[in-house]
Amino acid sequence: MRDFIEKWIYADNIWLKRISIIFQLKYKNETNLEILSQSILENKNSNEFFVNKAIGWALREYSKSDPKWVLDFVKHNSLSKLSENEALKWINRL
């Protein structure tokens, strides 16, 4: 798995990048945070709407399992406004 994901993180194709970010959406506490972080940090400066949306979506979904981790991640990493807003949607409801 890791071999494919690492190739996709650095791919020129935005859809492969997007998959590298969101493939763990339903993993909850089984989410590999190293891979999630790597895929987000490598792609956080993208100008592609669907990549930035995926970053926010992945973080929002993981915030249901570990909101503190997501808050810290957003606080310490400069994400697009779209990614940040999406990431914090669930947390802001609490």
N, C-alpha and C. Protein backbone atom coordinates (compact mmCIF):
# COMPACT_ATOMS: atom_id res chain seq x y z
N MET A 1 0.82 -1.19 0.00
CA MET A 1 0.00 0.00 0.00
C MET A 1 0.86 1.26 0.00
N ARG A 2 1.83 1.31 0.89
CA ARG A 2 2.65 2.51 1.04
C ARG A 2 3.37 2.88 -0.27
N ASP A 3 3.81 1.86 -1.01
CA ASP A 3 4.51 2.13 -2.28
C ASP A 3 3.60 2.89 -3.26
N PHE A 4 2.35 2.44 -3.37
CA PHE A 4 1.41 3.11 -4.27
C PHE A 4 1.11 4.52 -3.79
N ILE A 5 0.81 4.64 -2.53
CA ILE A 5 0.42 5.95 -1.99
C ILE A 5 1.55 6.95 -2.14
N GLU A 6 2.77 6.56 -1.85
CA GLU A 6 3.89 7.49 -1.98
C GLU A 6 4.07 7.95 -3.43
N LYS A 7 3.83 7.07 -4.37
CA LYS A 7 3.90 7.47 -5.78
C LYS A 7 2.79 8.48 -6.09
N TRP A 8 1.61 8.23 -5.56
CA TRP A 8 0.47 9.09 -5.84
C TRP A 8 0.62 10.45 -5.17
N ILE A 9 1.22 10.51 -3.99
CA ILE A 9 1.42 11.80 -3.30
C ILE A 9 2.18 12.76 -4.21
N TYR A 10 3.17 12.24 -4.92
CA TYR A 10 4.06 13.07 -5.74
C TYR A 10 3.70 13.05 -7.23
N ALA A 11 2.58 12.46 -7.57
CA ALA A 11 2.18 12.34 -8.98
C ALA A 11 1.85 13.71 -9.57
N ASP A 12 1.93 13.80 -10.88
CA ASP A 12 1.53 15.02 -11.57
C ASP A 12 0.01 15.10 -11.73
N ASN A 13 -0.65 13.98 -11.62
CA ASN A 13 -2.09 13.88 -11.80
C ASN A 13 -2.80 14.28 -10.50
N ILE A 14 -3.67 15.30 -10.57
CA ILE A 14 -4.34 15.78 -9.35
C ILE A 14 -5.25 14.72 -8.74
N TRP A 15 -5.80 13.84 -9.57
CA TRP A 15 -6.72 12.82 -9.05
C TRP A 15 -5.96 11.77 -8.24
N LEU A 16 -4.74 11.45 -8.63
CA LEU A 16 -3.93 10.54 -7.83
C LEU A 16 -3.52 11.20 -6.52
N LYS A 17 -3.16 12.48 -6.59
CA LYS A 17 -2.84 13.23 -5.37
C LYS A 17 -4.03 13.20 -4.42
N ARG A 18 -5.20 13.45 -4.98
CA ARG A 18 -6.43 13.47 -4.17
C ARG A 18 -6.68 12.12 -3.51
N ILE A 19 -6.49 11.05 -4.25
CA ILE A 19 -6.67 9.72 -3.68
C ILE A 19 -5.68 9.48 -2.54
N SER A 20 -4.45 9.95 -2.70
CA SER A 20 -3.45 9.76 -1.64
C SER A 20 -3.87 10.46 -0.35
N ILE A 21 -4.67 11.49 -0.46
CA ILE A 21 -5.13 12.26 0.70
C ILE A 21 -6.37 11.63 1.34
N ILE A 22 -7.30 11.16 0.53
CA ILE A 22 -8.61 10.73 1.08
C ILE A 22 -8.80 9.23 1.20
N PHE A 23 -7.85 8.42 0.82
CA PHE A 23 -8.11 6.98 0.82
C PHE A 23 -8.37 6.42 2.22
N GLN A 24 -8.00 7.13 3.27
CA GLN A 24 -8.19 6.64 4.64
C GLN A 24 -9.44 7.22 5.32
N LEU A 25 -10.34 7.81 4.56
CA LEU A 25 -11.48 8.51 5.14
C LEU A 25 -12.22 7.73 6.21
N LYS A 26 -12.43 6.48 6.02
CA LYS A 26 -13.22 5.68 6.97
C LYS A 26 -12.35 4.83 7.91
N TYR A 27 -11.08 5.09 7.96
CA TYR A 27 -10.17 4.30 8.81
C TYR A 27 -10.30 4.67 10.29
N LYS A 28 -10.83 5.85 10.59
CA LYS A 28 -11.01 6.36 11.95
C LYS A 28 -9.72 6.23 12.76
N ASN A 29 -9.75 5.49 13.87
CA ASN A 29 -8.57 5.36 14.73
C ASN A 29 -7.45 4.54 14.10
N GLU A 30 -7.73 3.90 12.99
CA GLU A 30 -6.72 3.12 12.29
C GLU A 30 -5.97 3.96 11.25
N THR A 31 -6.29 5.23 11.16
CA THR A 31 -5.64 6.13 10.20
C THR A 31 -4.15 6.19 10.45
N ASN A 32 -3.39 6.04 9.39
CA ASN A 32 -1.94 6.17 9.48
C ASN A 32 -1.63 7.66 9.37
N LEU A 33 -1.32 8.26 10.52
CA LEU A 33 -1.11 9.71 10.55
C LEU A 33 0.15 10.15 9.82
N GLU A 34 1.12 9.28 9.74
CA GLU A 34 2.34 9.61 9.00
C GLU A 34 2.01 9.79 7.52
N ILE A 35 1.26 8.86 6.96
CA ILE A 35 0.88 8.95 5.54
C ILE A 35 -0.07 10.13 5.32
N LEU A 36 -1.04 10.30 6.21
CA LEU A 36 -1.97 11.42 6.08
C LEU A 36 -1.22 12.74 6.09
N SER A 37 -0.35 12.91 7.06
CA SER A 37 0.43 14.15 7.16
C SER A 37 1.29 14.37 5.93
N GLN A 38 1.97 13.32 5.50
CA GLN A 38 2.86 13.44 4.34
C GLN A 38 2.06 13.85 3.10
N SER A 39 0.92 13.22 2.88
CA SER A 39 0.14 13.53 1.68
C SER A 39 -0.41 14.96 1.74
N ILE A 40 -0.80 15.41 2.92
CA ILE A 40 -1.32 16.77 3.05
C ILE A 40 -0.20 17.79 2.91
N LEU A 41 0.88 17.59 3.63
CA LEU A 41 1.96 18.59 3.61
C LEU A 41 2.59 18.72 2.23
N GLU A 42 2.69 17.64 1.51
CA GLU A 42 3.27 17.70 0.17
C GLU A 42 2.35 18.44 -0.81
N ASN A 43 1.05 18.43 -0.54
CA ASN A 43 0.10 18.99 -1.50
C ASN A 43 -0.64 20.23 -1.00
N LYS A 44 -0.27 20.74 0.16
CA LYS A 44 -1.01 21.85 0.76
C LYS A 44 -0.90 23.16 -0.01
N ASN A 45 0.08 23.30 -0.86
CA ASN A 45 0.24 24.53 -1.64
C ASN A 45 -0.36 24.44 -3.04
N SER A 46 -1.15 23.43 -3.24
CA SER A 46 -1.79 23.24 -4.54
C SER A 46 -2.81 24.35 -4.80
N ASN A 47 -2.95 24.72 -6.06
CA ASN A 47 -3.98 25.67 -6.47
C ASN A 47 -5.24 24.95 -6.96
N GLU A 48 -5.22 23.63 -6.89
CA GLU A 48 -6.33 22.82 -7.38
C GLU A 48 -7.44 22.72 -6.33
N PHE A 49 -8.63 23.13 -6.70
CA PHE A 49 -9.77 23.08 -5.79
C PHE A 49 -9.96 21.69 -5.20
N PHE A 50 -9.94 20.66 -6.05
CA PHE A 50 -10.25 19.31 -5.58
C PHE A 50 -9.18 18.75 -4.65
N VAL A 51 -7.96 19.18 -4.78
CA VAL A 51 -6.90 18.77 -3.86
C VAL A 51 -7.10 19.46 -2.51
N ASN A 52 -7.35 20.76 -2.53
CA ASN A 52 -7.57 21.49 -1.29
C ASN A 52 -8.83 21.03 -0.57
N LYS A 53 -9.86 20.72 -1.32
CA LYS A 53 -11.09 20.19 -0.73
C LYS A 53 -10.82 18.83 -0.08
N ALA A 54 -10.03 18.00 -0.75
CA ALA A 54 -9.70 16.68 -0.21
C ALA A 54 -8.92 16.79 1.10
N ILE A 55 -8.01 17.74 1.18
CA ILE A 55 -7.25 17.95 2.41
C ILE A 55 -8.21 18.26 3.56
N GLY A 56 -9.11 19.18 3.32
CA GLY A 56 -10.09 19.53 4.35
C GLY A 56 -11.00 18.37 4.70
N TRP A 57 -11.42 17.64 3.71
CA TRP A 57 -12.31 16.50 3.91
C TRP A 57 -11.62 15.43 4.76
N ALA A 58 -10.39 15.10 4.43
CA ALA A 58 -9.65 14.08 5.18
C ALA A 58 -9.46 14.51 6.63
N LEU A 59 -9.11 15.76 6.84
CA LEU A 59 -8.93 16.25 8.21
C LEU A 59 -10.26 16.31 8.96
N ARG A 60 -11.31 16.74 8.29
CA ARG A 60 -12.62 16.79 8.94
C ARG A 60 -13.06 15.40 9.38
N GLU A 61 -12.88 14.43 8.50
CA GLU A 61 -13.28 13.07 8.83
C GLU A 61 -12.45 12.53 10.00
N TYR A 62 -11.15 12.80 10.00
CA TYR A 62 -10.32 12.33 11.11
C TYR A 62 -10.62 13.08 12.41
N SER A 63 -11.12 14.31 12.30
CA SER A 63 -11.45 15.08 13.51
C SER A 63 -12.55 14.41 14.33
N LYS A 64 -13.32 13.55 13.70
CA LYS A 64 -14.36 12.82 14.42
C LYS A 64 -13.75 11.77 15.35
N SER A 65 -12.51 11.38 15.08
CA SER A 65 -11.79 10.43 15.92
C SER A 65 -10.83 11.13 16.88
N ASP A 66 -10.19 12.19 16.40
CA ASP A 66 -9.18 12.87 17.22
C ASP A 66 -9.17 14.37 16.92
N PRO A 67 -10.14 15.10 17.46
CA PRO A 67 -10.23 16.53 17.16
C PRO A 67 -9.00 17.32 17.61
N LYS A 68 -8.38 16.93 18.71
CA LYS A 68 -7.21 17.65 19.19
C LYS A 68 -6.07 17.56 18.17
N TRP A 69 -5.84 16.38 17.60
CA TRP A 69 -4.77 16.21 16.62
C TRP A 69 -5.03 17.13 15.42
N VAL A 70 -6.27 17.16 14.95
CA VAL A 70 -6.61 17.98 13.79
C VAL A 70 -6.43 19.46 14.11
N LEU A 71 -6.91 19.89 15.27
CA LEU A 71 -6.72 21.29 15.65
C LEU A 71 -5.24 21.66 15.68
N ASP A 72 -4.42 20.82 16.27
CA ASP A 72 -2.98 21.07 16.32
C ASP A 72 -2.37 21.09 14.92
N PHE A 73 -2.79 20.16 14.08
CA PHE A 73 -2.25 20.09 12.72
C PHE A 73 -2.59 21.37 11.95
N VAL A 74 -3.84 21.80 12.04
CA VAL A 74 -4.26 23.02 11.33
C VAL A 74 -3.53 24.24 11.90
N LYS A 75 -3.37 24.27 13.20
CA LYS A 75 -2.71 25.40 13.84
C LYS A 75 -1.25 25.54 13.42
N HIS A 76 -0.57 24.41 13.25
CA HIS A 76 0.87 24.42 12.98
C HIS A 76 1.25 24.31 11.51
N ASN A 77 0.27 24.23 10.64
CA ASN A 77 0.55 24.11 9.20
C ASN A 77 -0.31 25.10 8.43
N SER A 78 0.30 25.80 7.55
CA SER A 78 -0.39 26.79 6.75
C SER A 78 -1.15 26.09 5.62
N LEU A 79 -2.46 26.01 5.77
CA LEU A 79 -3.30 25.37 4.76
C LEU A 79 -4.11 26.43 4.03
N SER A 80 -4.64 26.06 2.88
CA SER A 80 -5.52 26.99 2.16
C SER A 80 -6.75 27.25 3.03
N LYS A 81 -7.40 28.36 2.79
CA LYS A 81 -8.61 28.70 3.55
C LYS A 81 -9.67 27.63 3.37
N LEU A 82 -9.81 27.13 2.15
CA LEU A 82 -10.77 26.06 1.87
C LEU A 82 -10.46 24.83 2.72
N SER A 83 -9.20 24.40 2.71
CA SER A 83 -8.81 23.21 3.49
C SER A 83 -9.07 23.42 4.97
N GLU A 84 -8.69 24.57 5.46
CA GLU A 84 -8.86 24.87 6.89
C GLU A 84 -10.34 24.89 7.27
N ASN A 85 -11.16 25.58 6.48
CA ASN A 85 -12.60 25.64 6.77
C ASN A 85 -13.23 24.26 6.78
N GLU A 86 -12.89 23.45 5.80
CA GLU A 86 -13.42 22.09 5.73
C GLU A 86 -12.94 21.25 6.91
N ALA A 87 -11.68 21.39 7.26
CA ALA A 87 -11.09 20.60 8.35
C ALA A 87 -11.78 20.88 9.68
N LEU A 88 -12.16 22.12 9.90
CA LEU A 88 -12.69 22.52 11.21
C LEU A 88 -14.21 22.49 11.29
N LYS A 89 -14.90 22.14 10.22
CA LYS A 89 -16.37 22.15 10.21
C LYS A 89 -16.97 21.33 11.35
N TRP A 90 -16.52 20.13 11.51
CA TRP A 90 -17.07 19.22 12.54
C TRP A 90 -16.70 19.73 13.94
N ILE A 91 -15.48 20.16 14.10
CA ILE A 91 -14.99 20.63 15.40
C ILE A 91 -15.76 21.89 15.81
N ASN A 92 -16.03 22.76 14.87
CA ASN A 92 -16.74 24.00 15.18
C ASN A 92 -18.20 23.76 15.59
N ARG A 93 -18.72 22.60 15.30
CA ARG A 93 -20.09 22.25 15.71
C ARG A 93 -20.15 21.82 17.18
N LEU A 94 -19.01 21.41 17.70
CA LEU A 94 -18.99 20.90 19.09
C LEU A 94 -19.15 22.01 20.09
